Amino acid sequence: MSRTLDIFVDFPQKIEYLIKELELILALKFELFSDGTDNWYEFRNSTITLTIGKHDFENDHDIKFEEYPYNLSIRALNISTEFDRQNWCNDFASYVFQKLKSTERYRLMLVDDLQVQLEEFVPVVKV
């Protein structure tokens, strides 16, 4: 299985509202998918897949998955070398994370392969 980078988002509303916001922020169009049990949204081009949905991960030591209801999972596609796949995945995940962070509207957590927390962002509450 290929490596993923995941951005966990604390968003208090339904996924449909999150998708609308993400489409505006990222200038991407997401498509709804279902397997009969779960629904998720996905953006895919020739090199990257960005999948968005709810998750059921439990907290793992210092990684507090349960505080973030939505998971944006990023995976590189159709790239011949592992090094290049990792670079594409890292670059796209960084782009998405920074775009979301710049809005200062969401608590975010970036995790490598669901095992290593790379970064966390908590917006400053403005009074």
N, C-alpha and C. Protein backbone atom coordinates (compact mmCIF):
# COMPACT_ATOMS: atom_id res chain seq x y z
N MET A 1 0.85 -1.18 0.00
CA MET A 1 0.00 0.00 0.00
C MET A 1 0.89 1.25 0.00
N SER A 2 0.46 2.23 -0.74
CA SER A 2 1.29 3.43 -0.84
C SER A 2 1.13 4.33 0.38
N ARG A 3 2.15 5.10 0.61
CA ARG A 3 2.20 6.02 1.73
C ARG A 3 1.20 7.16 1.50
N THR A 4 0.60 7.63 2.59
CA THR A 4 -0.30 8.78 2.52
C THR A 4 0.17 9.86 3.47
N LEU A 5 -0.21 11.05 3.17
CA LEU A 5 -0.15 12.15 4.12
C LEU A 5 -1.60 12.53 4.38
N ASP A 6 -1.93 12.75 5.63
CA ASP A 6 -3.30 13.04 6.00
C ASP A 6 -3.38 14.35 6.75
N ILE A 7 -4.37 15.15 6.37
CA ILE A 7 -4.66 16.39 7.08
C ILE A 7 -5.99 16.18 7.78
N PHE A 8 -5.99 16.28 9.09
CA PHE A 8 -7.20 16.14 9.87
C PHE A 8 -7.73 17.53 10.18
N VAL A 9 -9.04 17.71 10.00
CA VAL A 9 -9.66 19.04 10.10
C VAL A 9 -10.76 19.00 11.15
N ASP A 10 -10.72 19.96 12.06
CA ASP A 10 -11.79 20.15 13.03
C ASP A 10 -12.78 21.12 12.41
N PHE A 11 -13.91 20.61 11.98
CA PHE A 11 -14.95 21.40 11.32
C PHE A 11 -16.28 20.96 11.90
N PRO A 12 -17.06 21.90 12.50
CA PRO A 12 -18.24 21.51 13.27
C PRO A 12 -19.49 21.22 12.45
N GLN A 13 -19.45 21.45 11.15
CA GLN A 13 -20.65 21.29 10.34
C GLN A 13 -20.58 20.03 9.48
N LYS A 14 -21.63 19.82 8.67
CA LYS A 14 -21.70 18.66 7.80
C LYS A 14 -20.62 18.71 6.73
N ILE A 15 -20.28 17.54 6.23
CA ILE A 15 -19.21 17.43 5.24
C ILE A 15 -19.51 18.24 3.98
N GLU A 16 -20.78 18.35 3.60
CA GLU A 16 -21.13 19.10 2.39
C GLU A 16 -20.68 20.55 2.49
N TYR A 17 -20.77 21.13 3.68
CA TYR A 17 -20.32 22.52 3.88
C TYR A 17 -18.79 22.61 3.82
N LEU A 18 -18.12 21.62 4.38
CA LEU A 18 -16.66 21.58 4.31
C LEU A 18 -16.21 21.47 2.85
N ILE A 19 -16.86 20.63 2.08
CA ILE A 19 -16.50 20.45 0.67
C ILE A 19 -16.64 21.77 -0.09
N LYS A 20 -17.74 22.49 0.14
CA LYS A 20 -17.93 23.78 -0.54
C LYS A 20 -16.80 24.75 -0.20
N GLU A 21 -16.43 24.79 1.08
CA GLU A 21 -15.34 25.68 1.49
C GLU A 21 -14.01 25.25 0.87
N LEU A 22 -13.74 23.95 0.88
CA LEU A 22 -12.49 23.46 0.31
C LEU A 22 -12.41 23.72 -1.19
N GLU A 23 -13.52 23.58 -1.88
CA GLU A 23 -13.52 23.86 -3.32
C GLU A 23 -13.16 25.31 -3.59
N LEU A 24 -13.66 26.22 -2.76
CA LEU A 24 -13.32 27.64 -2.92
C LEU A 24 -11.86 27.91 -2.55
N ILE A 25 -11.43 27.40 -1.43
CA ILE A 25 -10.07 27.67 -0.93
C ILE A 25 -9.01 27.07 -1.85
N LEU A 26 -9.24 25.84 -2.31
CA LEU A 26 -8.23 25.12 -3.08
C LEU A 26 -8.42 25.24 -4.59
N ALA A 27 -9.55 25.80 -5.02
CA ALA A 27 -9.87 25.90 -6.45
C ALA A 27 -9.85 24.51 -7.11
N LEU A 28 -10.46 23.54 -6.43
CA LEU A 28 -10.57 22.17 -6.94
C LEU A 28 -12.04 21.77 -6.92
N LYS A 29 -12.40 20.78 -7.72
CA LYS A 29 -13.76 20.25 -7.74
C LYS A 29 -13.73 18.82 -7.21
N PHE A 30 -14.54 18.55 -6.19
CA PHE A 30 -14.59 17.23 -5.58
C PHE A 30 -15.82 16.47 -6.07
N GLU A 31 -15.66 15.17 -6.23
CA GLU A 31 -16.74 14.30 -6.68
C GLU A 31 -17.14 13.38 -5.53
N LEU A 32 -18.45 13.17 -5.37
CA LEU A 32 -18.97 12.30 -4.31
C LEU A 32 -18.87 10.83 -4.74
N PHE A 33 -18.38 9.98 -3.83
CA PHE A 33 -18.30 8.54 -4.05
C PHE A 33 -18.99 7.83 -2.89
N SER A 34 -19.45 6.60 -3.13
CA SER A 34 -20.06 5.79 -2.09
C SER A 34 -19.78 4.32 -2.38
N ASP A 35 -19.59 3.55 -1.30
CA ASP A 35 -19.43 2.11 -1.46
C ASP A 35 -20.60 1.36 -0.84
N GLY A 36 -21.70 2.08 -0.59
CA GLY A 36 -22.87 1.47 0.02
C GLY A 36 -22.89 1.63 1.52
N THR A 37 -21.73 1.78 2.14
CA THR A 37 -21.63 1.97 3.58
C THR A 37 -21.15 3.37 3.90
N ASP A 38 -20.09 3.78 3.25
CA ASP A 38 -19.49 5.09 3.50
C ASP A 38 -19.61 5.98 2.28
N ASN A 39 -19.65 7.29 2.54
CA ASN A 39 -19.60 8.30 1.49
C ASN A 39 -18.33 9.11 1.69
N TRP A 40 -17.70 9.49 0.59
CA TRP A 40 -16.53 10.35 0.66
C TRP A 40 -16.45 11.18 -0.62
N TYR A 41 -15.62 12.19 -0.57
CA TYR A 41 -15.41 13.06 -1.72
C TYR A 41 -13.97 12.90 -2.16
N GLU A 42 -13.77 13.12 -3.47
CA GLU A 42 -12.43 12.90 -3.99
C GLU A 42 -12.12 13.86 -5.13
N PHE A 43 -10.88 14.35 -5.11
CA PHE A 43 -10.30 15.04 -6.26
C PHE A 43 -9.18 14.14 -6.76
N ARG A 44 -9.11 13.97 -8.08
CA ARG A 44 -8.06 13.12 -8.63
C ARG A 44 -7.60 13.72 -9.96
N ASN A 45 -6.28 13.77 -10.12
CA ASN A 45 -5.73 14.07 -11.43
C ASN A 45 -4.72 12.97 -11.76
N SER A 46 -3.85 13.18 -12.71
CA SER A 46 -2.95 12.10 -13.13
C SER A 46 -1.87 11.75 -12.10
N THR A 47 -1.64 12.62 -11.11
CA THR A 47 -0.55 12.36 -10.16
C THR A 47 -0.96 12.36 -8.69
N ILE A 48 -2.13 12.89 -8.36
CA ILE A 48 -2.52 13.04 -6.95
C ILE A 48 -3.99 12.66 -6.75
N THR A 49 -4.26 12.01 -5.63
CA THR A 49 -5.63 11.80 -5.18
C THR A 49 -5.78 12.45 -3.81
N LEU A 50 -6.83 13.25 -3.67
CA LEU A 50 -7.18 13.86 -2.38
C LEU A 50 -8.57 13.36 -2.03
N THR A 51 -8.66 12.55 -0.97
CA THR A 51 -9.91 11.96 -0.53
C THR A 51 -10.32 12.61 0.78
N ILE A 52 -11.61 12.97 0.88
CA ILE A 52 -12.11 13.66 2.08
C ILE A 52 -13.32 12.90 2.62
N GLY A 53 -13.28 12.65 3.92
CA GLY A 53 -14.42 12.00 4.55
C GLY A 53 -14.29 12.02 6.06
N LYS A 54 -15.32 11.48 6.71
CA LYS A 54 -15.23 11.29 8.16
C LYS A 54 -14.34 10.06 8.39
N HIS A 55 -13.85 9.94 9.61
CA HIS A 55 -12.99 8.79 9.92
C HIS A 55 -13.38 8.24 11.28
N ASP A 56 -12.88 7.06 11.58
CA ASP A 56 -13.16 6.45 12.89
C ASP A 56 -11.86 6.06 13.60
N PHE A 57 -10.78 6.79 13.30
CA PHE A 57 -9.51 6.52 13.98
C PHE A 57 -9.61 6.90 15.45
N GLU A 58 -9.00 6.10 16.29
CA GLU A 58 -8.93 6.41 17.71
C GLU A 58 -7.60 7.09 18.00
N ASN A 59 -7.58 7.85 19.10
CA ASN A 59 -6.33 8.51 19.50
C ASN A 59 -5.22 7.47 19.63
N ASP A 60 -4.03 7.88 19.22
CA ASP A 60 -2.87 6.98 19.25
C ASP A 60 -1.73 7.73 19.92
N HIS A 61 -1.53 7.46 21.20
CA HIS A 61 -0.51 8.16 22.00
C HIS A 61 -0.77 9.67 21.93
N ASP A 62 0.14 10.42 21.34
CA ASP A 62 -0.01 11.88 21.29
C ASP A 62 -0.77 12.37 20.06
N ILE A 63 -1.18 11.48 19.19
CA ILE A 63 -1.92 11.88 17.99
C ILE A 63 -3.40 11.80 18.31
N LYS A 64 -4.04 12.95 18.40
CA LYS A 64 -5.43 13.06 18.87
C LYS A 64 -6.42 13.05 17.70
N PHE A 65 -6.51 11.92 17.01
CA PHE A 65 -7.40 11.80 15.86
C PHE A 65 -8.85 12.16 16.18
N GLU A 66 -9.30 11.79 17.37
CA GLU A 66 -10.70 11.96 17.74
C GLU A 66 -11.12 13.42 17.84
N GLU A 67 -10.18 14.35 17.92
CA GLU A 67 -10.50 15.77 18.00
C GLU A 67 -10.78 16.38 16.63
N TYR A 68 -10.57 15.61 15.58
CA TYR A 68 -10.71 16.11 14.21
C TYR A 68 -11.64 15.18 13.44
N PRO A 69 -12.88 15.58 13.20
CA PRO A 69 -13.84 14.66 12.57
C PRO A 69 -13.57 14.34 11.10
N TYR A 70 -12.84 15.20 10.39
CA TYR A 70 -12.65 14.98 8.96
C TYR A 70 -11.20 14.70 8.61
N ASN A 71 -11.03 13.83 7.63
CA ASN A 71 -9.71 13.39 7.19
C ASN A 71 -9.55 13.70 5.70
N LEU A 72 -8.50 14.43 5.37
CA LEU A 72 -8.11 14.66 3.98
C LEU A 72 -6.88 13.80 3.74
N SER A 73 -7.03 12.78 2.93
CA SER A 73 -5.94 11.83 2.69
C SER A 73 -5.36 12.07 1.30
N ILE A 74 -4.04 12.22 1.24
CA ILE A 74 -3.35 12.58 0.00
C ILE A 74 -2.40 11.45 -0.38
N ARG A 75 -2.55 11.02 -1.64
CA ARG A 75 -1.72 9.91 -2.14
C ARG A 75 -1.27 10.23 -3.56
N ALA A 76 -0.01 9.97 -3.85
CA ALA A 76 0.53 10.18 -5.20
C ALA A 76 0.21 8.96 -6.07
N LEU A 77 -0.01 9.22 -7.36
CA LEU A 77 -0.37 8.17 -8.32
C LEU A 77 0.54 8.22 -9.55
N ASN A 78 0.67 7.08 -10.21
CA ASN A 78 1.29 7.02 -11.54
C ASN A 78 2.66 7.68 -11.63
N ILE A 79 3.43 7.60 -10.57
CA ILE A 79 4.78 8.16 -10.56
C ILE A 79 5.73 6.99 -10.33
N SER A 80 6.73 6.88 -11.18
CA SER A 80 7.51 5.64 -11.23
C SER A 80 8.41 5.37 -10.03
N THR A 81 9.00 6.40 -9.43
CA THR A 81 9.92 6.13 -8.32
C THR A 81 9.31 6.55 -6.98
N GLU A 82 9.67 5.82 -5.96
CA GLU A 82 9.18 6.12 -4.60
C GLU A 82 9.60 7.53 -4.18
N PHE A 83 10.81 7.91 -4.51
CA PHE A 83 11.31 9.25 -4.16
C PHE A 83 10.43 10.33 -4.79
N ASP A 84 10.12 10.19 -6.07
CA ASP A 84 9.28 11.18 -6.75
C ASP A 84 7.85 11.16 -6.20
N ARG A 85 7.32 9.96 -5.91
CA ARG A 85 5.98 9.87 -5.31
C ARG A 85 5.93 10.62 -3.99
N GLN A 86 6.94 10.41 -3.15
CA GLN A 86 6.98 11.10 -1.86
C GLN A 86 7.06 12.61 -2.04
N ASN A 87 7.86 13.05 -2.99
CA ASN A 87 7.97 14.50 -3.23
C ASN A 87 6.65 15.10 -3.70
N TRP A 88 5.97 14.44 -4.63
CA TRP A 88 4.67 14.93 -5.10
C TRP A 88 3.67 14.99 -3.93
N CYS A 89 3.64 13.93 -3.17
CA CYS A 89 2.72 13.85 -2.03
C CYS A 89 3.04 14.93 -1.00
N ASN A 90 4.31 15.07 -0.66
CA ASN A 90 4.74 16.09 0.31
C ASN A 90 4.39 17.49 -0.17
N ASP A 91 4.69 17.78 -1.43
CA ASP A 91 4.43 19.12 -1.97
C ASP A 91 2.94 19.45 -1.98
N PHE A 92 2.13 18.49 -2.42
CA PHE A 92 0.69 18.75 -2.49
C PHE A 92 0.09 18.87 -1.09
N ALA A 93 0.50 18.00 -0.17
CA ALA A 93 0.00 18.08 1.21
C ALA A 93 0.39 19.40 1.85
N SER A 94 1.61 19.84 1.61
CA SER A 94 2.06 21.12 2.16
C SER A 94 1.24 22.27 1.58
N TYR A 95 0.97 22.23 0.28
CA TYR A 95 0.14 23.25 -0.36
C TYR A 95 -1.24 23.31 0.28
N VAL A 96 -1.90 22.16 0.42
CA VAL A 96 -3.25 22.10 0.99
C VAL A 96 -3.22 22.58 2.44
N PHE A 97 -2.27 22.09 3.22
CA PHE A 97 -2.17 22.47 4.64
C PHE A 97 -1.98 23.98 4.77
N GLN A 98 -1.08 24.55 3.99
CA GLN A 98 -0.80 26.00 4.08
C GLN A 98 -2.00 26.83 3.63
N LYS A 99 -2.72 26.37 2.59
CA LYS A 99 -3.92 27.09 2.14
C LYS A 99 -4.98 27.10 3.25
N LEU A 100 -5.19 25.96 3.89
CA LEU A 100 -6.18 25.89 4.97
C LEU A 100 -5.71 26.69 6.18
N LYS A 101 -4.46 26.58 6.49
CA LYS A 101 -3.89 27.32 7.63
C LYS A 101 -4.03 28.83 7.42
N SER A 102 -3.82 29.29 6.20
CA SER A 102 -3.86 30.73 5.92
C SER A 102 -5.24 31.34 6.14
N THR A 103 -6.29 30.52 6.13
CA THR A 103 -7.64 31.05 6.40
C THR A 103 -7.82 31.34 7.89
N GLU A 104 -7.01 30.69 8.72
CA GLU A 104 -7.10 30.81 10.18
C GLU A 104 -8.50 30.47 10.70
N ARG A 105 -9.17 29.49 10.05
CA ARG A 105 -10.52 29.11 10.46
C ARG A 105 -10.63 27.70 11.01
N TYR A 106 -9.60 26.89 10.83
CA TYR A 106 -9.70 25.48 11.18
C TYR A 106 -8.53 25.03 12.06
N ARG A 107 -8.84 24.15 13.02
CA ARG A 107 -7.78 23.41 13.70
C ARG A 107 -7.37 22.31 12.74
N LEU A 108 -6.05 22.15 12.56
CA LEU A 108 -5.52 21.20 11.59
C LEU A 108 -4.43 20.34 12.20
N MET A 109 -4.30 19.13 11.68
CA MET A 109 -3.21 18.27 12.08
C MET A 109 -2.73 17.51 10.84
N LEU A 110 -1.43 17.59 10.56
CA LEU A 110 -0.82 16.90 9.43
C LEU A 110 -0.09 15.66 9.96
N VAL A 111 -0.42 14.50 9.38
CA VAL A 111 0.12 13.23 9.87
C VAL A 111 0.69 12.42 8.70
N ASP A 112 1.87 11.87 8.91
CA ASP A 112 2.54 11.04 7.91
C ASP A 112 2.17 9.58 8.11
N ASP A 113 1.52 9.00 7.10
CA ASP A 113 1.19 7.57 7.08
C ASP A 113 0.43 7.11 8.33
N LEU A 114 -0.37 8.00 8.89
CA LEU A 114 -1.18 7.74 10.09
C LEU A 114 -0.35 7.35 11.31
N GLN A 115 0.95 7.69 11.30
CA GLN A 115 1.81 7.27 12.39
C GLN A 115 2.61 8.39 13.04
N VAL A 116 2.93 9.43 12.28
CA VAL A 116 3.79 10.49 12.80
C VAL A 116 3.12 11.84 12.58
N GLN A 117 2.86 12.54 13.69
CA GLN A 117 2.29 13.89 13.56
C GLN A 117 3.41 14.84 13.14
N LEU A 118 3.21 15.51 12.02
CA LEU A 118 4.22 16.42 11.49
C LEU A 118 3.99 17.86 11.91
N GLU A 119 2.72 18.25 11.96
CA GLU A 119 2.41 19.65 12.28
C GLU A 119 0.99 19.74 12.79
N GLU A 120 0.77 20.73 13.63
CA GLU A 120 -0.58 21.01 14.13
C GLU A 120 -0.77 22.52 14.08
N PHE A 121 -1.99 22.94 13.79
CA PHE A 121 -2.29 24.36 13.75
C PHE A 121 -3.59 24.62 14.50
N VAL A 122 -3.54 25.60 15.40
CA VAL A 122 -4.72 26.05 16.13
C VAL A 122 -4.86 27.54 15.88
N PRO A 123 -5.95 27.97 15.24
CA PRO A 123 -6.10 29.40 14.97
C PRO A 123 -6.23 30.20 16.25
N VAL A 124 -5.74 31.41 16.20
CA VAL A 124 -5.85 32.32 17.34
C VAL A 124 -7.28 32.85 17.37
N VAL A 125 -7.89 32.80 18.53
CA VAL A 125 -9.25 33.32 18.68
C VAL A 125 -9.17 34.84 18.71
N LYS A 126 -9.89 35.47 17.78
CA LYS A 126 -9.87 36.93 17.72
C LYS A 126 -11.03 37.49 18.52
N VAL A 127 -10.74 38.50 19.34
CA VAL A 127 -11.75 39.07 20.22
C VAL A 127 -12.25 40.37 19.64
